Amino acid sequence: MLMILIYWVYADDINILGGSVHTIKKNTEALVDSSKENRLEVNADKTKYMVMSGDQNGGQSHNMKTDNSCFERAGQFILLGKTLTYKNSVQVQIKNRLMPANAGYHSVQNLMSSSLLSKSINIKIHRTIILPVVLCGCETWSLTLRKEYRLRVFENRALGRKFGPKRDEVTREWRELHNEELTDLYSSPNLIWVIKLRRMRLAGYVARMK
C-alpha cells in the first residue's frame, strides 16, 4: 500500500491512501487541481509519502511527483497520535503509548500513594487516567507473546507501585507483591484481556458493515 500525507497552506492536513503509485498520483493530481480552484496550494517541502510493504525495497524505484513538485519519501508517519511505519510495526506504537502512560503515572504518583485515598479510588484513577493513554488505538494491534509480556510488565509495575509492598507473615520482612497477588488486588480484567476484547469489538463492527 502507498500512503501520502499532504500539507496545505491554509487547510487541515490530508492523507491519501492507495494500492499503487499510479492510483496515488492520479488522486493527488485531481486534488491539486481542485484546490487551485479554491486558491489553495500544496506545500511541497512538507509533503511526504510512504510505501507500506513487506518488501523492504518496495517502492524504491518510484518517485512521487506532481505539479512539478517532487515529494520526499518517509519511513514513518505520525497520524492521529499513532506512529505508522513502512513495516507497519506495532512495537513502535506500543512504545509510543507506554512513554506517555509512564509520564501520566508519575504525574499522579503522589496522589495515588496518599493514605487518604481508598483502594477503590486508586483503581478508578488507574482506569481513567493511565489505561486510556496505553489503550489508544489498541484495536489495530497484532500482539505477539513478546509484546504481551512488555505490556504485562508495565501493568504489574504500575500496580506494584500503587499497592506497595507487603509484610511477610513468617519472616516479618517487607517484600514486593507477586503478580498473582497484584491481580487479586486489582480485581479487574488485565491489560491484555482488555486489548483483545476491543479488537473483537472492532471486528464485529467491521463484520456488520455493508
N, C-alpha and C. Protein backbone atom coordinates (compact mmCIF):
# COMPACT_ATOMS: atom_id res chain seq x y z
N MET A 1 0.85 -1.19 0.00
CA MET A 1 0.00 0.00 0.00
C MET A 1 0.88 1.23 0.00
N LEU A 2 0.43 2.27 -0.70
CA LEU A 2 1.14 3.54 -0.73
C LEU A 2 0.32 4.57 0.02
N MET A 3 0.99 5.38 0.80
CA MET A 3 0.31 6.38 1.60
C MET A 3 1.03 7.70 1.42
N ILE A 4 0.27 8.78 1.20
CA ILE A 4 0.88 10.10 1.04
C ILE A 4 0.20 11.06 1.99
N LEU A 5 0.99 11.89 2.65
CA LEU A 5 0.49 12.88 3.59
C LEU A 5 0.67 14.25 2.97
N ILE A 6 -0.44 14.97 2.75
CA ILE A 6 -0.42 16.26 2.09
C ILE A 6 -0.59 17.36 3.12
N TYR A 7 0.28 18.37 3.06
CA TYR A 7 0.15 19.54 3.91
C TYR A 7 -0.29 20.73 3.05
N TRP A 8 -1.37 21.37 3.47
CA TRP A 8 -1.87 22.53 2.74
C TRP A 8 -1.49 23.81 3.46
N VAL A 9 -1.48 24.92 2.71
CA VAL A 9 -1.06 26.19 3.27
C VAL A 9 -2.07 26.72 4.28
N TYR A 10 -3.36 26.69 3.93
CA TYR A 10 -4.38 27.22 4.81
C TYR A 10 -5.51 26.22 5.00
N ALA A 11 -5.19 24.99 5.26
CA ALA A 11 -6.21 23.97 5.48
C ALA A 11 -5.65 22.87 6.35
N ASP A 12 -6.51 21.96 6.76
CA ASP A 12 -6.05 20.83 7.56
C ASP A 12 -5.23 19.87 6.71
N ASP A 13 -4.46 19.01 7.40
CA ASP A 13 -3.67 18.01 6.70
C ASP A 13 -4.60 16.99 6.04
N ILE A 14 -4.14 16.43 4.93
CA ILE A 14 -4.92 15.46 4.17
C ILE A 14 -4.07 14.23 3.90
N ASN A 15 -4.67 13.05 4.07
CA ASN A 15 -3.98 11.79 3.78
C ASN A 15 -4.66 11.10 2.61
N ILE A 16 -3.86 10.60 1.70
CA ILE A 16 -4.37 9.87 0.54
C ILE A 16 -3.81 8.45 0.59
N LEU A 17 -4.68 7.46 0.50
CA LEU A 17 -4.29 6.06 0.53
C LEU A 17 -4.56 5.43 -0.83
N GLY A 18 -3.71 4.51 -1.22
CA GLY A 18 -3.91 3.80 -2.48
C GLY A 18 -3.09 2.54 -2.54
N GLY A 19 -3.50 1.63 -3.41
CA GLY A 19 -2.81 0.36 -3.54
C GLY A 19 -1.67 0.37 -4.54
N SER A 20 -1.49 1.48 -5.26
CA SER A 20 -0.41 1.56 -6.25
C SER A 20 0.03 3.01 -6.41
N VAL A 21 1.22 3.17 -6.98
CA VAL A 21 1.75 4.51 -7.22
C VAL A 21 0.87 5.25 -8.21
N HIS A 22 0.38 4.56 -9.22
CA HIS A 22 -0.48 5.18 -10.24
C HIS A 22 -1.75 5.75 -9.61
N THR A 23 -2.36 5.01 -8.70
CA THR A 23 -3.59 5.48 -8.05
C THR A 23 -3.32 6.71 -7.20
N ILE A 24 -2.22 6.69 -6.45
CA ILE A 24 -1.87 7.82 -5.61
C ILE A 24 -1.61 9.07 -6.46
N LYS A 25 -0.85 8.91 -7.53
CA LYS A 25 -0.55 10.06 -8.39
C LYS A 25 -1.82 10.64 -9.00
N LYS A 26 -2.70 9.77 -9.46
CA LYS A 26 -3.93 10.21 -10.08
C LYS A 26 -4.80 10.98 -9.09
N ASN A 27 -4.97 10.45 -7.89
CA ASN A 27 -5.80 11.11 -6.88
C ASN A 27 -5.16 12.40 -6.37
N THR A 28 -3.83 12.39 -6.25
CA THR A 28 -3.14 13.60 -5.80
C THR A 28 -3.26 14.72 -6.82
N GLU A 29 -3.09 14.39 -8.09
CA GLU A 29 -3.21 15.40 -9.14
C GLU A 29 -4.62 15.96 -9.20
N ALA A 30 -5.62 15.10 -9.00
CA ALA A 30 -7.01 15.58 -9.00
C ALA A 30 -7.26 16.52 -7.83
N LEU A 31 -6.66 16.19 -6.67
CA LEU A 31 -6.83 17.03 -5.50
C LEU A 31 -6.12 18.37 -5.67
N VAL A 32 -4.94 18.35 -6.27
CA VAL A 32 -4.20 19.59 -6.51
C VAL A 32 -4.97 20.50 -7.46
N ASP A 33 -5.53 19.92 -8.53
CA ASP A 33 -6.30 20.72 -9.49
C ASP A 33 -7.54 21.33 -8.82
N SER A 34 -8.21 20.56 -7.99
CA SER A 34 -9.41 21.07 -7.31
C SER A 34 -9.05 22.15 -6.30
N SER A 35 -7.91 22.01 -5.65
CA SER A 35 -7.51 23.00 -4.66
C SER A 35 -7.20 24.35 -5.30
N LYS A 36 -6.64 24.32 -6.50
CA LYS A 36 -6.32 25.57 -7.17
C LYS A 36 -7.57 26.38 -7.46
N GLU A 37 -8.67 25.69 -7.71
CA GLU A 37 -9.92 26.39 -7.97
C GLU A 37 -10.39 27.14 -6.73
N ASN A 38 -9.95 26.70 -5.54
CA ASN A 38 -10.31 27.35 -4.29
C ASN A 38 -9.15 28.17 -3.72
N ARG A 39 -8.15 28.43 -4.59
CA ARG A 39 -7.00 29.26 -4.22
C ARG A 39 -6.19 28.64 -3.09
N LEU A 40 -6.03 27.33 -3.12
CA LEU A 40 -5.18 26.62 -2.18
C LEU A 40 -4.02 26.01 -2.94
N GLU A 41 -2.94 25.75 -2.24
CA GLU A 41 -1.79 25.12 -2.87
C GLU A 41 -1.11 24.16 -1.92
N VAL A 42 -0.36 23.22 -2.48
CA VAL A 42 0.33 22.21 -1.69
C VAL A 42 1.69 22.73 -1.26
N ASN A 43 2.04 22.51 -0.01
CA ASN A 43 3.37 22.82 0.48
C ASN A 43 4.27 21.63 0.17
N ALA A 44 4.98 21.69 -0.94
CA ALA A 44 5.77 20.55 -1.41
C ALA A 44 6.89 20.18 -0.45
N ASP A 45 7.42 21.17 0.30
CA ASP A 45 8.52 20.89 1.23
C ASP A 45 8.07 20.04 2.41
N LYS A 46 6.78 20.11 2.76
CA LYS A 46 6.26 19.36 3.89
C LYS A 46 5.44 18.15 3.49
N THR A 47 5.30 17.92 2.20
CA THR A 47 4.51 16.79 1.72
C THR A 47 5.40 15.57 1.58
N LYS A 48 4.98 14.46 2.17
CA LYS A 48 5.78 13.23 2.13
C LYS A 48 4.90 12.04 1.77
N TYR A 49 5.55 10.98 1.33
CA TYR A 49 4.82 9.75 1.03
C TYR A 49 5.56 8.56 1.63
N MET A 50 4.82 7.48 1.84
CA MET A 50 5.41 6.28 2.43
C MET A 50 4.83 5.05 1.78
N VAL A 51 5.67 4.09 1.50
CA VAL A 51 5.26 2.81 0.94
C VAL A 51 5.21 1.79 2.06
N MET A 52 4.04 1.23 2.31
CA MET A 52 3.88 0.20 3.36
C MET A 52 3.85 -1.15 2.67
N SER A 53 4.93 -1.92 2.86
CA SER A 53 5.06 -3.20 2.17
C SER A 53 5.93 -4.12 2.99
N GLY A 54 5.70 -5.43 2.83
CA GLY A 54 6.55 -6.41 3.48
C GLY A 54 7.93 -6.46 2.85
N ASP A 55 8.03 -5.99 1.62
CA ASP A 55 9.30 -5.93 0.90
C ASP A 55 10.02 -4.64 1.28
N GLN A 56 11.22 -4.75 1.84
CA GLN A 56 11.96 -3.57 2.27
C GLN A 56 12.30 -2.66 1.10
N ASN A 57 12.42 -3.23 -0.09
CA ASN A 57 12.75 -2.43 -1.27
C ASN A 57 11.52 -2.01 -2.05
N GLY A 58 10.34 -2.26 -1.49
CA GLY A 58 9.11 -1.92 -2.19
C GLY A 58 9.00 -0.43 -2.43
N GLY A 59 8.73 -0.04 -3.66
CA GLY A 59 8.55 1.37 -3.99
C GLY A 59 9.83 2.16 -4.16
N GLN A 60 11.00 1.50 -4.10
CA GLN A 60 12.25 2.23 -4.21
C GLN A 60 12.43 2.82 -5.61
N SER A 61 11.87 2.17 -6.60
CA SER A 61 12.08 2.62 -7.98
C SER A 61 11.08 3.70 -8.39
N HIS A 62 10.16 4.09 -7.49
CA HIS A 62 9.13 5.06 -7.84
C HIS A 62 9.42 6.40 -7.19
N ASN A 63 9.03 7.46 -7.88
CA ASN A 63 9.12 8.81 -7.36
C ASN A 63 7.73 9.44 -7.37
N MET A 64 7.40 10.12 -6.31
CA MET A 64 6.13 10.82 -6.25
C MET A 64 6.35 12.25 -6.70
N LYS A 65 5.79 12.59 -7.86
CA LYS A 65 5.97 13.93 -8.41
C LYS A 65 4.67 14.36 -9.06
N THR A 66 4.22 15.55 -8.71
CA THR A 66 3.02 16.09 -9.31
C THR A 66 3.11 17.61 -9.31
N ASP A 67 2.54 18.21 -10.33
CA ASP A 67 2.54 19.68 -10.44
C ASP A 67 3.96 20.23 -10.34
N ASN A 68 4.91 19.53 -10.97
CA ASN A 68 6.32 19.94 -11.00
C ASN A 68 6.96 19.95 -9.60
N SER A 69 6.39 19.19 -8.68
CA SER A 69 6.94 19.10 -7.33
C SER A 69 7.24 17.65 -7.01
N CYS A 70 8.44 17.39 -6.48
CA CYS A 70 8.84 16.04 -6.12
C CYS A 70 8.73 15.90 -4.61
N PHE A 71 8.02 14.85 -4.15
CA PHE A 71 7.77 14.67 -2.73
C PHE A 71 8.81 13.74 -2.12
N GLU A 72 9.12 14.00 -0.86
CA GLU A 72 10.11 13.21 -0.12
C GLU A 72 9.48 11.93 0.40
N ARG A 73 10.25 10.84 0.35
CA ARG A 73 9.79 9.57 0.89
C ARG A 73 10.16 9.49 2.37
N ALA A 74 9.19 9.07 3.21
CA ALA A 74 9.40 8.99 4.65
C ALA A 74 9.32 7.55 5.11
N GLY A 75 9.99 7.27 6.23
CA GLY A 75 9.95 5.94 6.80
C GLY A 75 8.83 5.73 7.78
N GLN A 76 8.21 6.85 8.24
CA GLN A 76 7.11 6.73 9.18
C GLN A 76 6.28 8.01 9.17
N PHE A 77 5.03 7.87 9.60
CA PHE A 77 4.11 8.99 9.74
C PHE A 77 3.56 8.98 11.16
N ILE A 78 3.28 10.16 11.70
CA ILE A 78 2.52 10.27 12.94
C ILE A 78 1.13 10.75 12.56
N LEU A 79 0.16 9.87 12.71
CA LEU A 79 -1.21 10.15 12.28
C LEU A 79 -2.16 9.88 13.44
N LEU A 80 -2.88 10.93 13.87
CA LEU A 80 -3.86 10.81 14.97
C LEU A 80 -3.22 10.21 16.21
N GLY A 81 -1.99 10.63 16.48
CA GLY A 81 -1.29 10.17 17.67
C GLY A 81 -0.63 8.81 17.53
N LYS A 82 -0.75 8.18 16.37
CA LYS A 82 -0.15 6.86 16.15
C LYS A 82 1.01 6.98 15.17
N THR A 83 2.09 6.24 15.43
CA THR A 83 3.24 6.23 14.55
C THR A 83 3.11 5.06 13.58
N LEU A 84 2.93 5.36 12.32
CA LEU A 84 2.83 4.35 11.28
C LEU A 84 4.16 4.21 10.58
N THR A 85 4.70 2.99 10.53
CA THR A 85 5.96 2.74 9.86
C THR A 85 5.73 1.98 8.56
N TYR A 86 6.75 1.99 7.71
CA TYR A 86 6.60 1.32 6.41
C TYR A 86 6.47 -0.19 6.57
N LYS A 87 6.91 -0.71 7.72
CA LYS A 87 6.75 -2.14 8.01
C LYS A 87 5.48 -2.42 8.81
N ASN A 88 4.74 -1.35 9.13
CA ASN A 88 3.53 -1.48 9.95
C ASN A 88 3.86 -2.14 11.29
N SER A 89 4.92 -1.66 11.94
CA SER A 89 5.41 -2.24 13.18
C SER A 89 4.55 -1.82 14.35
N VAL A 90 4.00 -2.79 15.06
CA VAL A 90 3.20 -2.50 16.25
C VAL A 90 4.11 -2.16 17.43
N GLN A 91 5.34 -2.66 17.40
CA GLN A 91 6.27 -2.43 18.50
C GLN A 91 6.48 -0.94 18.73
N VAL A 92 6.59 -0.18 17.64
CA VAL A 92 6.79 1.27 17.76
C VAL A 92 5.56 1.93 18.38
N GLN A 93 4.37 1.48 17.98
CA GLN A 93 3.14 2.05 18.52
C GLN A 93 3.02 1.79 20.02
N ILE A 94 3.36 0.57 20.44
CA ILE A 94 3.28 0.23 21.86
C ILE A 94 4.28 1.07 22.66
N LYS A 95 5.47 1.24 22.14
CA LYS A 95 6.48 2.05 22.81
C LYS A 95 6.00 3.48 22.97
N ASN A 96 5.39 4.03 21.92
CA ASN A 96 4.91 5.40 21.96
C ASN A 96 3.68 5.58 22.85
N ARG A 97 3.02 4.49 23.20
CA ARG A 97 1.89 4.55 24.14
C ARG A 97 2.38 4.44 25.59
N LEU A 98 3.40 3.61 25.81
CA LEU A 98 3.88 3.38 27.17
C LEU A 98 4.64 4.59 27.71
N MET A 99 5.31 5.33 26.85
CA MET A 99 6.06 6.50 27.31
C MET A 99 5.15 7.56 27.93
N PRO A 100 4.09 8.02 27.25
CA PRO A 100 3.20 8.99 27.90
C PRO A 100 2.41 8.38 29.06
N ALA A 101 2.17 7.07 29.02
CA ALA A 101 1.47 6.43 30.14
C ALA A 101 2.33 6.48 31.41
N ASN A 102 3.63 6.24 31.26
CA ASN A 102 4.54 6.37 32.40
C ASN A 102 4.58 7.79 32.92
N ALA A 103 4.58 8.75 31.97
CA ALA A 103 4.58 10.16 32.39
C ALA A 103 3.29 10.50 33.12
N GLY A 104 2.17 9.96 32.63
CA GLY A 104 0.90 10.19 33.30
C GLY A 104 0.87 9.60 34.70
N TYR A 105 1.47 8.42 34.85
CA TYR A 105 1.51 7.80 36.18
C TYR A 105 2.32 8.65 37.15
N HIS A 106 3.49 9.12 36.70
CA HIS A 106 4.33 9.90 37.60
C HIS A 106 3.67 11.23 37.98
N SER A 107 2.80 11.74 37.11
CA SER A 107 2.12 13.00 37.42
C SER A 107 1.11 12.84 38.54
N VAL A 108 0.60 11.63 38.74
CA VAL A 108 -0.40 11.40 39.81
C VAL A 108 0.15 10.45 40.88
N GLN A 109 1.44 10.21 40.87
CA GLN A 109 2.02 9.25 41.81
C GLN A 109 1.82 9.67 43.25
N ASN A 110 2.03 10.94 43.55
CA ASN A 110 1.84 11.41 44.93
C ASN A 110 0.39 11.26 45.37
N LEU A 111 -0.53 11.48 44.44
CA LEU A 111 -1.95 11.34 44.78
C LEU A 111 -2.31 9.89 45.07
N MET A 112 -1.79 8.98 44.23
CA MET A 112 -2.15 7.57 44.38
C MET A 112 -1.48 6.92 45.59
N SER A 113 -0.37 7.48 46.04
CA SER A 113 0.32 6.91 47.20
C SER A 113 -0.19 7.49 48.53
N SER A 114 -1.16 8.39 48.43
CA SER A 114 -1.70 9.00 49.64
C SER A 114 -2.53 7.99 50.42
N SER A 115 -2.35 8.00 51.73
CA SER A 115 -3.12 7.10 52.60
C SER A 115 -4.57 7.56 52.77
N LEU A 116 -4.87 8.75 52.30
CA LEU A 116 -6.22 9.28 52.43
C LEU A 116 -7.17 8.69 51.39
N LEU A 117 -6.62 8.11 50.32
CA LEU A 117 -7.44 7.54 49.26
C LEU A 117 -7.63 6.05 49.47
N SER A 118 -8.81 5.59 49.23
CA SER A 118 -9.10 4.16 49.37
C SER A 118 -8.59 3.38 48.16
N LYS A 119 -8.60 2.07 48.29
CA LYS A 119 -8.18 1.20 47.21
C LYS A 119 -9.06 1.38 45.98
N SER A 120 -10.35 1.49 46.14
CA SER A 120 -11.27 1.63 45.01
C SER A 120 -11.02 2.92 44.24
N ILE A 121 -10.71 4.02 44.95
CA ILE A 121 -10.43 5.29 44.28
C ILE A 121 -9.12 5.20 43.51
N ASN A 122 -8.12 4.54 44.08
CA ASN A 122 -6.85 4.36 43.38
C ASN A 122 -7.05 3.59 42.08
N ILE A 123 -7.88 2.57 42.13
CA ILE A 123 -8.14 1.78 40.93
C ILE A 123 -8.88 2.62 39.88
N LYS A 124 -9.81 3.46 40.33
CA LYS A 124 -10.53 4.33 39.39
C LYS A 124 -9.58 5.32 38.73
N ILE A 125 -8.63 5.85 39.49
CA ILE A 125 -7.63 6.76 38.92
C ILE A 125 -6.81 6.04 37.86
N HIS A 126 -6.44 4.80 38.16
CA HIS A 126 -5.66 3.99 37.21
C HIS A 126 -6.45 3.76 35.92
N ARG A 127 -7.72 3.47 36.05
CA ARG A 127 -8.56 3.17 34.89
C ARG A 127 -8.84 4.41 34.04
N THR A 128 -9.02 5.55 34.67
CA THR A 128 -9.44 6.75 33.96
C THR A 128 -8.31 7.63 33.47
N ILE A 129 -7.13 7.50 34.07
CA ILE A 129 -6.01 8.36 33.68
C ILE A 129 -4.89 7.59 32.97
N ILE A 130 -4.54 6.42 33.49
CA ILE A 130 -3.39 5.68 32.93
C ILE A 130 -3.81 4.80 31.76
N LEU A 131 -4.82 3.96 31.95
CA LEU A 131 -5.21 3.00 30.92
C LEU A 131 -5.62 3.63 29.59
N PRO A 132 -6.41 4.71 29.57
CA PRO A 132 -6.78 5.29 28.27
C PRO A 132 -5.58 5.72 27.43
N VAL A 133 -4.51 6.13 28.10
CA VAL A 133 -3.30 6.52 27.36
C VAL A 133 -2.66 5.31 26.70
N VAL A 134 -2.61 4.20 27.43
CA VAL A 134 -1.99 2.97 26.90
C VAL A 134 -2.84 2.38 25.78
N LEU A 135 -4.15 2.40 25.94
CA LEU A 135 -5.05 1.68 25.05
C LEU A 135 -5.46 2.46 23.80
N CYS A 136 -4.96 3.67 23.64
CA CYS A 136 -5.33 4.47 22.46
C CYS A 136 -4.89 3.77 21.17
N GLY A 137 -5.84 3.38 20.34
CA GLY A 137 -5.52 2.73 19.07
C GLY A 137 -5.18 1.26 19.18
N CYS A 138 -5.41 0.63 20.35
CA CYS A 138 -5.01 -0.76 20.55
C CYS A 138 -5.84 -1.73 19.71
N GLU A 139 -6.98 -1.28 19.16
CA GLU A 139 -7.83 -2.17 18.37
C GLU A 139 -7.13 -2.71 17.13
N THR A 140 -6.09 -2.02 16.67
CA THR A 140 -5.39 -2.44 15.45
C THR A 140 -4.08 -3.15 15.75
N TRP A 141 -3.78 -3.39 17.03
CA TRP A 141 -2.53 -4.05 17.37
C TRP A 141 -2.60 -5.55 17.12
N SER A 142 -1.56 -6.08 16.53
CA SER A 142 -1.42 -7.52 16.37
C SER A 142 -0.37 -7.98 17.36
N LEU A 143 -0.82 -8.55 18.47
CA LEU A 143 0.08 -8.86 19.58
C LEU A 143 0.77 -10.20 19.42
N THR A 144 2.03 -10.23 19.81
CA THR A 144 2.78 -11.47 19.95
C THR A 144 3.06 -11.68 21.44
N LEU A 145 3.59 -12.83 21.79
CA LEU A 145 3.89 -13.11 23.20
C LEU A 145 4.89 -12.10 23.76
N ARG A 146 5.83 -11.68 22.93
CA ARG A 146 6.83 -10.71 23.39
C ARG A 146 6.18 -9.35 23.69
N LYS A 147 5.26 -8.93 22.82
CA LYS A 147 4.58 -7.65 23.03
C LYS A 147 3.64 -7.74 24.24
N GLU A 148 2.97 -8.88 24.39
CA GLU A 148 2.12 -9.06 25.56
C GLU A 148 2.93 -9.00 26.86
N TYR A 149 4.11 -9.59 26.84
CA TYR A 149 4.97 -9.58 28.02
C TYR A 149 5.36 -8.15 28.40
N ARG A 150 5.66 -7.34 27.40
CA ARG A 150 6.06 -5.95 27.66
C ARG A 150 4.90 -5.17 28.29
N LEU A 151 3.70 -5.41 27.80
CA LEU A 151 2.53 -4.73 28.36
C LEU A 151 2.24 -5.20 29.78
N ARG A 152 2.43 -6.51 30.02
CA ARG A 152 2.20 -7.04 31.37
C ARG A 152 3.22 -6.47 32.36
N VAL A 153 4.46 -6.31 31.91
CA VAL A 153 5.49 -5.74 32.78
C VAL A 153 5.10 -4.32 33.19
N PHE A 154 4.62 -3.54 32.22
CA PHE A 154 4.20 -2.18 32.53
C PHE A 154 3.05 -2.18 33.54
N GLU A 155 2.05 -3.03 33.30
CA GLU A 155 0.89 -3.05 34.18
C GLU A 155 1.26 -3.51 35.59
N ASN A 156 2.05 -4.56 35.70
CA ASN A 156 2.44 -5.06 37.02
C ASN A 156 3.30 -4.04 37.78
N ARG A 157 4.16 -3.33 37.04
CA ARG A 157 4.98 -2.31 37.69
C ARG A 157 4.10 -1.17 38.23
N ALA A 158 3.13 -0.75 37.42
CA ALA A 158 2.23 0.33 37.87
C ALA A 158 1.40 -0.11 39.06
N LEU A 159 0.87 -1.34 39.02
CA LEU A 159 0.06 -1.84 40.14
C LEU A 159 0.91 -2.05 41.38
N GLY A 160 2.15 -2.51 41.19
CA GLY A 160 3.04 -2.71 42.32
C GLY A 160 3.34 -1.42 43.04
N ARG A 161 3.53 -0.34 42.28
CA ARG A 161 3.79 0.95 42.91
C ARG A 161 2.54 1.46 43.63
N LYS A 162 1.40 1.14 43.07
CA LYS A 162 0.15 1.65 43.64
C LYS A 162 -0.22 0.93 44.94
N PHE A 163 -0.08 -0.41 44.97
CA PHE A 163 -0.46 -1.18 46.15
C PHE A 163 0.66 -1.27 47.18
N GLY A 164 1.90 -1.03 46.74
CA GLY A 164 3.00 -1.00 47.67
C GLY A 164 3.46 -2.39 48.11
N PRO A 165 4.46 -2.47 48.98
CA PRO A 165 4.99 -3.76 49.45
C PRO A 165 4.07 -4.40 50.49
N LYS A 166 4.36 -5.66 50.79
CA LYS A 166 3.58 -6.42 51.77
C LYS A 166 4.54 -7.03 52.79
N ARG A 167 4.10 -7.08 54.02
CA ARG A 167 4.93 -7.64 55.07
C ARG A 167 4.68 -9.13 55.19
N ASP A 168 5.75 -9.93 55.07
CA ASP A 168 5.64 -11.37 55.14
C ASP A 168 5.26 -11.81 56.55
N GLU A 169 4.26 -12.68 56.64
CA GLU A 169 3.77 -13.11 57.95
C GLU A 169 4.77 -14.00 58.68
N VAL A 170 5.66 -14.65 57.94
CA VAL A 170 6.63 -15.56 58.56
C VAL A 170 7.91 -14.83 58.93
N THR A 171 8.52 -14.20 57.95
CA THR A 171 9.81 -13.52 58.17
C THR A 171 9.65 -12.13 58.75
N ARG A 172 8.43 -11.57 58.67
CA ARG A 172 8.14 -10.21 59.14
C ARG A 172 8.93 -9.16 58.37
N GLU A 173 9.36 -9.50 57.18
CA GLU A 173 10.10 -8.55 56.33
C GLU A 173 9.19 -8.07 55.20
N TRP A 174 9.47 -6.87 54.73
CA TRP A 174 8.69 -6.31 53.64
C TRP A 174 9.19 -6.85 52.31
N ARG A 175 8.26 -7.19 51.44
CA ARG A 175 8.62 -7.71 50.12
C ARG A 175 7.65 -7.16 49.08
N GLU A 176 8.07 -7.25 47.83
CA GLU A 176 7.20 -6.82 46.73
C GLU A 176 6.11 -7.86 46.49
N LEU A 177 4.96 -7.41 46.05
CA LEU A 177 3.84 -8.31 45.77
C LEU A 177 4.11 -9.11 44.51
N HIS A 178 3.68 -10.38 44.52
CA HIS A 178 3.78 -11.21 43.33
C HIS A 178 2.70 -10.82 42.33
N ASN A 179 2.89 -11.24 41.08
CA ASN A 179 1.93 -10.88 40.04
C ASN A 179 0.53 -11.39 40.35
N GLU A 180 0.46 -12.60 40.90
CA GLU A 180 -0.85 -13.15 41.24
C GLU A 180 -1.54 -12.32 42.33
N GLU A 181 -0.76 -11.85 43.29
CA GLU A 181 -1.32 -11.01 44.34
C GLU A 181 -1.81 -9.67 43.80
N LEU A 182 -1.06 -9.11 42.84
CA LEU A 182 -1.48 -7.86 42.22
C LEU A 182 -2.77 -8.05 41.45
N THR A 183 -2.90 -9.19 40.78
CA THR A 183 -4.13 -9.47 40.03
C THR A 183 -5.33 -9.56 40.96
N ASP A 184 -5.15 -10.22 42.10
CA ASP A 184 -6.25 -10.34 43.06
C ASP A 184 -6.64 -8.98 43.65
N LEU A 185 -5.65 -8.15 43.93
CA LEU A 185 -5.94 -6.83 44.49
C LEU A 185 -6.62 -5.93 43.47
N TYR A 186 -6.19 -6.04 42.21
CA TYR A 186 -6.76 -5.19 41.15
C TYR A 186 -8.20 -5.58 40.86
N SER A 187 -8.46 -6.88 40.89
CA SER A 187 -9.82 -7.43 40.70
C SER A 187 -10.52 -6.86 39.48
N SER A 188 -9.79 -6.67 38.40
CA SER A 188 -10.34 -6.19 37.13
C SER A 188 -9.63 -6.90 35.99
N PRO A 189 -10.23 -6.92 34.79
CA PRO A 189 -9.57 -7.56 33.64
C PRO A 189 -8.20 -6.94 33.38
N ASN A 190 -7.21 -7.79 33.10
CA ASN A 190 -5.87 -7.27 32.85
C ASN A 190 -5.79 -6.58 31.49
N LEU A 191 -4.66 -5.94 31.26
CA LEU A 191 -4.47 -5.12 30.06
C LEU A 191 -4.61 -5.93 28.78
N ILE A 192 -4.05 -7.13 28.74
CA ILE A 192 -4.10 -7.95 27.53
C ILE A 192 -5.53 -8.37 27.22
N TRP A 193 -6.28 -8.70 28.25
CA TRP A 193 -7.68 -9.10 28.06
C TRP A 193 -8.49 -7.95 27.49
N VAL A 194 -8.26 -6.74 27.99
CA VAL A 194 -9.00 -5.57 27.50
C VAL A 194 -8.66 -5.30 26.03
N ILE A 195 -7.39 -5.43 25.66
CA ILE A 195 -6.99 -5.19 24.28
C ILE A 195 -7.66 -6.20 23.34
N LYS A 196 -7.67 -7.46 23.72
CA LYS A 196 -8.29 -8.48 22.88
C LYS A 196 -9.80 -8.27 22.78
N LEU A 197 -10.41 -7.83 23.87
CA LEU A 197 -11.85 -7.54 23.84
C LEU A 197 -12.16 -6.40 22.87
N ARG A 198 -11.33 -5.37 22.89
CA ARG A 198 -11.55 -4.24 21.98
C ARG A 198 -11.31 -4.63 20.53
N ARG A 199 -10.37 -5.52 20.31
CA ARG A 199 -10.14 -5.99 18.94
C ARG A 199 -11.33 -6.79 18.43
N MET A 200 -11.89 -7.62 19.28
CA MET A 200 -13.07 -8.39 18.89
C MET A 200 -14.26 -7.47 18.64
N ARG A 201 -14.39 -6.42 19.44
CA ARG A 201 -15.48 -5.46 19.25
C ARG A 201 -15.33 -4.75 17.91
N LEU A 202 -14.09 -4.36 17.56
CA LEU A 202 -13.85 -3.72 16.26
C LEU A 202 -14.15 -4.69 15.12
N ALA A 203 -13.77 -5.95 15.29
CA ALA A 203 -14.04 -6.96 14.26
C ALA A 203 -15.55 -7.11 14.05
N GLY A 204 -16.31 -6.99 15.13
CA GLY A 204 -17.76 -7.06 14.99
C GLY A 204 -18.33 -5.89 14.22
N TYR A 205 -17.79 -4.69 14.46
CA TYR A 205 -18.23 -3.52 13.71
C TYR A 205 -17.94 -3.70 12.22
N VAL A 206 -16.73 -4.20 11.93
CA VAL A 206 -16.35 -4.37 10.51
C VAL A 206 -17.23 -5.42 9.85
N ALA A 207 -17.53 -6.50 10.57
CA ALA A 207 -18.35 -7.59 10.01
C ALA A 207 -19.77 -7.12 9.69
N ARG A 208 -20.27 -6.13 10.44
CA ARG A 208 -21.62 -5.64 10.22
C ARG A 208 -21.71 -4.54 9.17
N MET A 209 -20.55 -4.08 8.69
CA MET A 209 -20.55 -3.04 7.65
C MET A 209 -21.02 -3.62 6.33
N LYS A 210 -21.59 -2.77 5.48
CA LYS A 210 -22.05 -3.23 4.17
C LYS A 210 -20.85 -3.52 3.30
